[in-house]
Amino acid sequence: MKPFSHRCGEGLDRDAEGQSAGRHHWGRHHRGFCRHERGEGRDRVESTGNSVLDARRREVLEKIEAERAKLREEAKAFAEFAARERRDADQALFDRFMAERAKGAGETPVTEA
């Protein structure tokens, strides 16, 4: 196997069905050949050679990541809110249905306490 030619995930231990067991088998390749192990990726930034600029860049990226975290939390809260609203709307619709059904049958509707 060529050390730098493999895709990330090659050299992973496999279970009986051939699925990844999620851990590298280091006997097949050496640490550092996968991009994620070398630290490459969307969050890795090359040094400019200017320590002040590099520090500023790190500071700005940390602020952006903090803002992303806030947005993820806000999206989660909104999804929970929307789910509660849908549940309440479904409950109101069901209650109206049961009330109309009870009227037609001459029964008294049962309401939740």
Protein backbone atom coordinates (compact mmCIF):
# COMPACT_ATOMS: atom_id res chain seq x y z
CA MET A 1 0.00 0.00 0.00
CA LYS A 2 1.30 3.44 -0.86
CA PRO A 3 1.48 5.44 2.38
CA PHE A 4 -0.01 8.71 1.11
CA SER A 5 -2.43 7.33 -1.45
CA HIS A 6 -5.10 5.89 0.83
CA ARG A 7 -8.39 7.47 1.68
CA CYS A 8 -9.12 8.16 5.31
CA GLY A 9 -10.64 5.01 6.74
CA GLU A 10 -8.40 2.55 5.02
CA GLY A 11 -6.55 0.45 7.51
CA LEU A 12 -9.49 0.43 9.91
CA ASP A 13 -10.26 -2.78 11.71
CA ARG A 14 -13.32 -4.46 10.23
CA ASP A 15 -15.90 -6.69 11.87
CA ALA A 16 -17.20 -9.95 10.38
CA GLU A 17 -19.52 -8.08 7.95
CA GLY A 18 -16.74 -5.80 6.79
CA GLN A 19 -18.04 -2.78 8.70
CA SER A 20 -15.56 -0.42 10.29
CA ALA A 21 -14.94 -1.10 13.95
CA GLY A 22 -13.98 2.55 14.29
CA ARG A 23 -10.36 2.07 15.27
CA HIS A 24 -7.25 2.16 13.17
CA HIS A 25 -5.14 -0.90 12.74
CA TRP A 26 -1.75 0.73 13.04
CA GLY A 27 0.06 -2.31 11.70
CA ARG A 28 -1.18 -1.47 8.20
CA HIS A 29 -0.22 2.17 8.07
CA HIS A 30 1.48 4.72 10.22
CA ARG A 31 -0.04 7.58 12.18
CA GLY A 32 0.00 10.82 10.26
CA PHE A 33 -0.97 9.51 6.84
CA CYS A 34 -4.65 10.44 7.18
CA ARG A 35 -5.49 14.10 6.67
CA HIS A 36 -7.45 14.29 9.93
CA GLU A 37 -4.49 12.85 11.83
CA ARG A 38 -2.18 15.49 10.38
CA GLY A 39 -4.59 18.18 11.57
CA GLU A 40 -5.67 19.15 8.09
CA GLY A 41 -9.23 20.07 7.52
CA ARG A 42 -11.59 22.97 7.61
CA ASP A 43 -10.45 24.27 11.01
CA ARG A 44 -6.72 24.01 10.39
CA VAL A 45 -5.07 27.24 9.31
CA GLU A 46 -1.52 27.53 8.08
CA SER A 47 0.76 29.90 9.93
CA THR A 48 1.42 33.19 8.16
CA GLY A 49 4.77 33.51 9.86
CA ASN A 50 3.51 36.57 11.73
CA SER A 51 2.66 35.64 15.31
CA VAL A 52 0.41 38.66 15.85
CA LEU A 53 -1.65 37.92 12.75
CA ASP A 54 -1.82 34.24 13.68
CA ALA A 55 -3.06 35.13 17.18
CA ARG A 56 -5.67 37.50 15.73
CA ARG A 57 -6.80 34.81 13.29
CA ARG A 58 -7.18 32.28 16.14
CA GLU A 59 -9.15 34.84 18.17
CA VAL A 60 -11.53 35.56 15.29
CA LEU A 61 -12.01 31.85 14.56
CA GLU A 62 -12.78 31.18 18.22
CA LYS A 63 -15.43 33.94 18.15
CA ILE A 64 -16.93 32.46 15.00
CA GLU A 65 -17.04 29.00 16.58
CA ALA A 66 -18.69 30.45 19.70
CA GLU A 67 -21.30 32.10 17.46
CA ARG A 68 -21.84 28.80 15.64
CA ALA A 69 -22.39 27.07 18.98
CA LYS A 70 -24.97 29.70 19.96
CA LEU A 71 -26.75 29.26 16.63
CA ARG A 72 -26.80 25.47 17.04
CA GLU A 73 -28.31 25.88 20.52
CA GLU A 74 -30.86 28.37 19.21
CA ALA A 75 -31.84 26.03 16.37
CA LYS A 76 -32.26 23.18 18.85
CA ALA A 77 -34.43 25.34 21.12
CA PHE A 78 -36.56 26.42 18.15
CA ALA A 79 -37.00 22.82 17.00
CA GLU A 80 -38.19 21.87 20.50
CA PHE A 81 -40.55 24.87 20.55
CA ALA A 82 -41.94 23.99 17.10
CA ALA A 83 -42.48 20.37 18.20
CA ARG A 84 -44.43 21.57 21.27
CA GLU A 85 -46.51 23.89 19.08
CA ARG A 86 -47.29 21.05 16.65
CA ARG A 87 -48.25 18.82 19.58
CA ASP A 88 -50.52 21.52 21.00
CA ALA A 89 -52.13 22.08 17.57
CA ASP A 90 -52.62 18.33 17.14
CA GLN A 91 -54.17 18.12 20.61
CA ALA A 92 -56.56 21.02 19.86
CA LEU A 93 -57.59 19.43 16.56
CA PHE A 94 -58.15 16.07 18.23
CA ASP A 95 -60.21 17.69 21.02
CA ARG A 96 -62.43 19.45 18.43
CA PHE A 97 -62.85 16.16 16.56
CA MET A 98 -63.85 14.33 19.73
CA ALA A 99 -66.27 17.14 20.71
CA GLU A 100 -67.96 17.05 17.29
CA ARG A 101 -68.12 13.29 17.37
CA ALA A 102 -69.68 13.37 20.84
CA LYS A 103 -72.29 15.91 19.68
CA GLY A 104 -73.32 13.68 16.82
CA ALA A 105 -73.67 10.67 19.10
CA GLY A 106 -75.33 12.64 21.90
CA GLU A 107 -72.49 11.88 24.32
CA THR A 108 -70.72 14.21 26.68
CA PRO A 109 -67.13 14.80 25.53
CA VAL A 110 -64.38 13.60 27.80
CA THR A 111 -61.77 16.30 28.42
CA GLU A 112 -58.29 15.96 29.85
CA ALA A 113 -57.66 17.58 33.18
